[in-house]
């Protein structure tokens, strides 16, 4: 049996900047890191200059270090996903926590309803508990809450649901049949 290997990661050639405005950078700085750093410095330092003015000896680190750390650590390859930078994973993680994502249903044949999206509470898990405005007592009640069994005439109603798995083609046919009817009547 033959096996193959993927070498695309090994052929990733990085361009480097060896000189900036006549200043020798030695072995060179990766250009993407340099560009990201310059953009971060412009945005961060520009915003702080507008808000607070020029830095003094104490606040100089606040003006200088955050963009440097983000550019240096953010442009390294991620350990989780070899083909992405750390800053990309940070941005995707923040986007997921804030906005979530739209689920793909039937291979994209139909748009997901808002009720099918993953709710914010499920995405945040325990990270968002401190941000909730509810009281501690109410939070405990919510966590300890168990659903009471449905009753009919005072007798508990036992549900014996059996899940079935339908493929996307069967679901698409069922939806197409449903789209051809109006309130149960064929058109």
C-alpha atoms as a PDB file:
ATOM      1  CA  UNK A   1       0.000   0.000   0.000  1.00  0.00           C
ATOM      2  CA  UNK A   2       1.282   3.439  -0.904  1.00  0.00           C
ATOM      3  CA  UNK A   3       1.054   6.373   1.421  1.00  0.00           C
ATOM      4  CA  UNK A   4       1.439  10.035   0.602  1.00  0.00           C
ATOM      5  CA  UNK A   5       2.516  13.074   2.549  1.00  0.00           C
ATOM      6  CA  UNK A   6       1.616  16.725   2.234  1.00  0.00           C
ATOM      7  CA  UNK A   7       4.564  19.068   1.989  1.00  0.00           C
ATOM      8  CA  UNK A   8       2.765  22.377   1.486  1.00  0.00           C
ATOM      9  CA  UNK A   9       3.743  23.643   4.941  1.00  0.00           C
ATOM     10  CA  UNK A  10       7.409  22.960   4.176  1.00  0.00           C
ATOM     11  CA  UNK A  11       7.296  25.091   1.030  1.00  0.00           C
ATOM     12  CA  UNK A  12       5.939  28.158   2.822  1.00  0.00           C
ATOM     13  CA  UNK A  13       8.516  30.806   1.897  1.00  0.00           C
ATOM     14  CA  UNK A  14       8.329  33.958   3.958  1.00  0.00           C
ATOM     15  CA  UNK A  15       9.381  37.321   2.529  1.00  0.00           C
ATOM     16  CA  UNK A  16      11.593  39.438   4.778  1.00  0.00           C
ATOM     17  CA  UNK A  17      12.379  43.126   4.943  1.00  0.00           C
ATOM     18  CA  UNK A  18      16.108  43.703   5.429  1.00  0.00           C
ATOM     19  CA  UNK A  19      16.192  47.499   5.327  1.00  0.00           C
ATOM     20  CA  UNK A  20      13.755  50.283   6.262  1.00  0.00           C
ATOM     21  CA  UNK A  21      14.592  53.897   5.324  1.00  0.00           C
ATOM     22  CA  UNK A  22      18.316  53.117   5.233  1.00  0.00           C
ATOM     23  CA  UNK A  23      18.229  51.306   8.601  1.00  0.00           C
ATOM     24  CA  UNK A  24      19.712  47.813   8.374  1.00  0.00           C
ATOM     25  CA  UNK A  25      17.482  45.144   9.995  1.00  0.00           C
ATOM     26  CA  UNK A  26      20.081  42.359   9.838  1.00  0.00           C
ATOM     27  CA  UNK A  27      18.480  38.983   9.035  1.00  0.00           C
ATOM     28  CA  UNK A  28      15.266  40.790   8.236  1.00  0.00           C
ATOM     29  CA  UNK A  29      11.819  41.006   9.733  1.00  0.00           C
ATOM     30  CA  UNK A  30       8.940  39.053   8.138  1.00  0.00           C
ATOM     31  CA  UNK A  31       7.028  41.555   6.016  1.00  0.00           C
ATOM     32  CA  UNK A  32       3.609  40.495   7.213  1.00  0.00           C
ATOM     33  CA  UNK A  33       4.679  41.000  10.821  1.00  0.00           C
ATOM     34  CA  UNK A  34       6.149  44.377   9.974  1.00  0.00           C
ATOM     35  CA  UNK A  35       3.020  45.555   8.149  1.00  0.00           C
ATOM     36  CA  UNK A  36       0.696  44.304  10.901  1.00  0.00           C
ATOM     37  CA  UNK A  37       2.874  45.975  13.534  1.00  0.00           C
ATOM     38  CA  UNK A  38       2.875  49.289  11.689  1.00  0.00           C
ATOM     39  CA  UNK A  39      -0.908  49.226  11.289  1.00  0.00           C
ATOM     40  CA  UNK A  40      -1.398  48.334  14.962  1.00  0.00           C
ATOM     41  CA  UNK A  41       0.998  51.099  16.065  1.00  0.00           C
ATOM     42  CA  UNK A  42      -0.795  53.649  13.876  1.00  0.00           C
ATOM     43  CA  UNK A  43      -4.245  52.731  15.195  1.00  0.00           C
ATOM     44  CA  UNK A  44      -3.316  52.165  18.851  1.00  0.00           C
ATOM     45  CA  UNK A  45      -0.890  55.049  19.318  1.00  0.00           C
ATOM     46  CA  UNK A  46      -3.000  57.383  17.206  1.00  0.00           C
ATOM     47  CA  UNK A  47      -6.069  56.630  19.311  1.00  0.00           C
ATOM     48  CA  UNK A  48      -4.184  57.134  22.571  1.00  0.00           C
ATOM     49  CA  UNK A  49      -2.628  60.372  21.314  1.00  0.00           C
ATOM     50  CA  UNK A  50      -6.049  61.732  20.423  1.00  0.00           C
ATOM     51  CA  UNK A  51      -7.572  60.670  23.751  1.00  0.00           C
ATOM     52  CA  UNK A  52      -4.756  61.348  26.226  1.00  0.00           C
ATOM     53  CA  UNK A  53      -2.059  63.352  24.428  1.00  0.00           C
ATOM     54  CA  UNK A  54       1.670  62.644  24.450  1.00  0.00           C
ATOM     55  CA  UNK A  55       2.965  59.901  26.752  1.00  0.00           C
ATOM     56  CA  UNK A  56       5.150  60.515  29.779  1.00  0.00           C
ATOM     57  CA  UNK A  57       7.709  58.155  31.310  1.00  0.00           C
ATOM     58  CA  UNK A  58       5.037  56.142  33.118  1.00  0.00           C
ATOM     59  CA  UNK A  59       2.539  55.752  30.254  1.00  0.00           C
ATOM     60  CA  UNK A  60       5.087  55.135  27.488  1.00  0.00           C
ATOM     61  CA  UNK A  61       4.830  51.365  28.045  1.00  0.00           C
ATOM     62  CA  UNK A  62       1.059  51.534  27.566  1.00  0.00           C
ATOM     63  CA  UNK A  63       1.601  53.281  24.227  1.00  0.00           C
ATOM     64  CA  UNK A  64       4.394  50.980  23.075  1.00  0.00           C
ATOM     65  CA  UNK A  65       3.960  47.407  24.398  1.00  0.00           C
ATOM     66  CA  UNK A  66       0.408  46.255  23.398  1.00  0.00           C
ATOM     67  CA  UNK A  67       0.911  46.595  19.612  1.00  0.00           C
ATOM     68  CA  UNK A  68       4.385  45.072  19.906  1.00  0.00           C
ATOM     69  CA  UNK A  69       3.113  42.029  21.816  1.00  0.00           C
ATOM     70  CA  UNK A  70       0.113  41.528  19.532  1.00  0.00           C
ATOM     71  CA  UNK A  71       2.294  41.774  16.417  1.00  0.00           C
ATOM     72  CA  UNK A  72       5.038  39.511  17.810  1.00  0.00           C
ATOM     73  CA  UNK A  73       2.816  36.795  19.322  1.00  0.00           C
ATOM     74  CA  UNK A  74      -0.110  37.165  16.915  1.00  0.00           C
ATOM     75  CA  UNK A  75       1.932  36.511  13.773  1.00  0.00           C
ATOM     76  CA  UNK A  76       3.404  33.259  15.048  1.00  0.00           C
ATOM     77  CA  UNK A  77       1.998  30.004  13.735  1.00  0.00           C
ATOM     78  CA  UNK A  78      -0.728  28.561  15.905  1.00  0.00           C
ATOM     79  CA  UNK A  79      -0.072  25.302  17.725  1.00  0.00           C
ATOM     80  CA  UNK A  80      -3.704  24.230  17.279  1.00  0.00           C
ATOM     81  CA  UNK A  81      -3.909  24.860  13.543  1.00  0.00           C
ATOM     82  CA  UNK A  82      -0.574  24.912  11.781  1.00  0.00           C
ATOM     83  CA  UNK A  83      -1.680  26.945   8.766  1.00  0.00           C
ATOM     84  CA  UNK A  84      -3.086  29.911  10.733  1.00  0.00           C
ATOM     85  CA  UNK A  85      -1.615  32.744  12.747  1.00  0.00           C
ATOM     86  CA  UNK A  86      -2.524  33.193  16.391  1.00  0.00           C
ATOM     87  CA  UNK A  87      -4.205  36.519  15.678  1.00  0.00           C
ATOM     88  CA  UNK A  88      -6.548  34.811  13.213  1.00  0.00           C
ATOM     89  CA  UNK A  89      -7.637  32.289  15.834  1.00  0.00           C
ATOM     90  CA  UNK A  90      -8.107  35.085  18.377  1.00  0.00           C
ATOM     91  CA  UNK A  91     -10.308  37.023  15.954  1.00  0.00           C
ATOM     92  CA  UNK A  92     -12.371  33.953  15.041  1.00  0.00           C
ATOM     93  CA  UNK A  93     -12.796  33.059  18.721  1.00  0.00           C
ATOM     94  CA  UNK A  94     -13.949  36.575  19.600  1.00  0.00           C
ATOM     95  CA  UNK A  95     -16.331  36.617  16.638  1.00  0.00           C
ATOM     96  CA  UNK A  96     -17.817  33.279  17.681  1.00  0.00           C
ATOM     97  CA  UNK A  97     -18.380  34.461  21.254  1.00  0.00           C
ATOM     98  CA  UNK A  98     -19.972  37.737  20.190  1.00  0.00           C
ATOM     99  CA  UNK A  99     -21.849  36.909  16.989  1.00  0.00           C
ATOM    100  CA  UNK A 100     -21.979  33.115  16.852  1.00  0.00           C
ATOM    101  CA  UNK A 101     -22.385  31.445  13.507  1.00  0.00           C
ATOM    102  CA  UNK A 102     -25.205  30.430  11.238  1.00  0.00           C
ATOM    103  CA  UNK A 103     -25.580  26.658  11.073  1.00  0.00           C
ATOM    104  CA  UNK A 104     -25.476  24.966   7.680  1.00  0.00           C
ATOM    105  CA  UNK A 105     -28.606  22.882   7.183  1.00  0.00           C
ATOM    106  CA  UNK A 106     -29.035  20.372   4.365  1.00  0.00           C
ATOM    107  CA  UNK A 107     -25.744  21.375   2.838  1.00  0.00           C
ATOM    108  CA  UNK A 108     -26.905  24.988   2.613  1.00  0.00           C
ATOM    109  CA  UNK A 109     -30.161  24.209   0.833  1.00  0.00           C
ATOM    110  CA  UNK A 110     -32.134  26.177   3.392  1.00  0.00           C
ATOM    111  CA  UNK A 111     -31.272  29.054   5.686  1.00  0.00           C
ATOM    112  CA  UNK A 112     -31.244  28.391   9.396  1.00  0.00           C
ATOM    113  CA  UNK A 113     -34.019  29.944  11.436  1.00  0.00           C
ATOM    114  CA  UNK A 114     -32.992  32.172  14.326  1.00  0.00           C
ATOM    115  CA  UNK A 115     -34.160  29.464  16.761  1.00  0.00           C
ATOM    116  CA  UNK A 116     -31.620  27.029  15.264  1.00  0.00           C
ATOM    117  CA  UNK A 117     -28.625  29.230  16.015  1.00  0.00           C
ATOM    118  CA  UNK A 118     -26.512  28.343  19.036  1.00  0.00           C
ATOM    119  CA  UNK A 119     -27.636  30.673  21.836  1.00  0.00           C
ATOM    120  CA  UNK A 120     -25.146  33.044  23.432  1.00  0.00           C
ATOM    121  CA  UNK A 121     -25.431  31.308  26.806  1.00  0.00           C
ATOM    122  CA  UNK A 122     -24.356  27.994  25.237  1.00  0.00           C
ATOM    123  CA  UNK A 123     -21.467  29.632  23.353  1.00  0.00           C
ATOM    124  CA  UNK A 124     -20.134  31.466  26.376  1.00  0.00           C
ATOM    125  CA  UNK A 125     -20.612  28.601  28.828  1.00  0.00           C
ATOM    126  CA  UNK A 126     -19.360  29.676  32.234  1.00  0.00           C
ATOM    127  CA  UNK A 127     -17.441  32.641  30.775  1.00  0.00           C
ATOM    128  CA  UNK A 128     -20.563  34.794  30.679  1.00  0.00           C
ATOM    129  CA  UNK A 129     -21.901  34.002  34.156  1.00  0.00           C
ATOM    130  CA  UNK A 130     -20.185  37.006  35.688  1.00  0.00           C
ATOM    131  CA  UNK A 131     -21.722  39.287  33.075  1.00  0.00           C
ATOM    132  CA  UNK A 132     -25.310  38.283  33.727  1.00  0.00           C
ATOM    133  CA  UNK A 133     -27.359  40.815  35.667  1.00  0.00           C
ATOM    134  CA  UNK A 134     -29.452  38.228  37.459  1.00  0.00           C
ATOM    135  CA  UNK A 135     -29.116  37.605  41.137  1.00  0.00           C
ATOM    136  CA  UNK A 136     -27.096  34.699  42.470  1.00  0.00           C
ATOM    137  CA  UNK A 137     -30.246  33.073  43.843  1.00  0.00           C
ATOM    138  CA  UNK A 138     -31.950  33.196  40.460  1.00  0.00           C
ATOM    139  CA  UNK A 139     -28.852  31.779  38.755  1.00  0.00           C
ATOM    140  CA  UNK A 140     -28.801  28.836  41.159  1.00  0.00           C
ATOM    141  CA  UNK A 141     -32.506  28.225  40.548  1.00  0.00           C
ATOM    142  CA  UNK A 142     -31.874  28.199  36.820  1.00  0.00           C
ATOM    143  CA  UNK A 143     -28.971  25.757  37.133  1.00  0.00           C
ATOM    144  CA  UNK A 144     -30.841  23.441  39.497  1.00  0.00           C
ATOM    145  CA  UNK A 145     -34.137  23.650  37.603  1.00  0.00           C
ATOM    146  CA  UNK A 146     -35.397  20.297  36.383  1.00  0.00           C
ATOM    147  CA  UNK A 147     -38.230  19.981  33.979  1.00  0.00           C
ATOM    148  CA  UNK A 148     -41.400  18.527  35.503  1.00  0.00           C
ATOM    149  CA  UNK A 149     -42.959  15.625  33.593  1.00  0.00           C
ATOM    150  CA  UNK A 150     -45.988  16.435  31.464  1.00  0.00           C
ATOM    151  CA  UNK A 151     -49.269  15.301  32.987  1.00  0.00           C
ATOM    152  CA  UNK A 152     -52.677  14.460  31.573  1.00  0.00           C
ATOM    153  CA  UNK A 153     -55.445  14.383  34.165  1.00  0.00           C
ATOM    154  CA  UNK A 154     -52.951  14.167  37.040  1.00  0.00           C
ATOM    155  CA  UNK A 155     -51.205  11.067  35.640  1.00  0.00           C
ATOM    156  CA  UNK A 156     -47.628  11.546  34.362  1.00  0.00           C
ATOM    157  CA  UNK A 157     -47.376  11.215  30.614  1.00  0.00           C
ATOM    158  CA  UNK A 158     -44.378   9.153  29.544  1.00  0.00           C
ATOM    159  CA  UNK A 159     -42.886  10.009  26.212  1.00  0.00           C
ATOM    160  CA  UNK A 160     -41.215   7.276  24.186  1.00  0.00           C
ATOM    161  CA  UNK A 161     -39.566   9.283  21.441  1.00  0.00           C
ATOM    162  CA  UNK A 162     -37.434   7.420  18.924  1.00  0.00           C
ATOM    163  CA  UNK A 163     -35.004   9.529  16.968  1.00  0.00           C
ATOM    164  CA  UNK A 164     -34.621   8.912  13.260  1.00  0.00           C
ATOM    165  CA  UNK A 165     -31.852  10.152  11.060  1.00  0.00           C
ATOM    166  CA  UNK A 166     -32.813  11.435   7.637  1.00  0.00           C
ATOM    167  CA  UNK A 167     -30.277  12.400   5.007  1.00  0.00           C
ATOM    168  CA  UNK A 168     -30.266  15.814   3.360  1.00  0.00           C
ATOM    169  CA  UNK A 169     -31.957  14.482   0.237  1.00  0.00           C
ATOM    170  CA  UNK A 170     -34.961  13.160   2.196  1.00  0.00           C
ATOM    171  CA  UNK A 171     -35.317  16.419   4.111  1.00  0.00           C
ATOM    172  CA  UNK A 172     -35.093  18.419   0.870  1.00  0.00           C
ATOM    173  CA  UNK A 173     -37.856  16.311  -0.739  1.00  0.00           C
ATOM    174  CA  UNK A 174     -40.076  16.716   2.319  1.00  0.00           C
ATOM    175  CA  UNK A 175     -39.578  20.486   2.302  1.00  0.00           C
ATOM    176  CA  UNK A 176     -40.284  20.625  -1.434  1.00  0.00           C
ATOM    177  CA  UNK A 177     -43.538  18.706  -0.880  1.00  0.00           C
ATOM    178  CA  UNK A 178     -44.435  21.062   1.976  1.00  0.00           C
ATOM    179  CA  UNK A 179     -43.713  24.140  -0.139  1.00  0.00           C
ATOM    180  CA  UNK A 180     -46.240  22.918  -2.743  1.00  0.00           C
ATOM    181  CA  UNK A 181     -49.123  22.940  -0.229  1.00  0.00           C
ATOM    182  CA  UNK A 182     -50.957  25.742   1.541  1.00  0.00           C
ATOM    183  CA  UNK A 183     -52.398  24.884   4.954  1.00  0.00           C
ATOM    184  CA  UNK A 184     -52.563  21.212   4.052  1.00  0.00           C
ATOM    185  CA  UNK A 185     -54.300  21.779   0.719  1.00  0.00           C
ATOM    186  CA  UNK A 186     -52.540  21.232  -2.632  1.00  0.00           C
ATOM    187  CA  UNK A 187     -52.475  24.225  -4.933  1.00  0.00           C
END
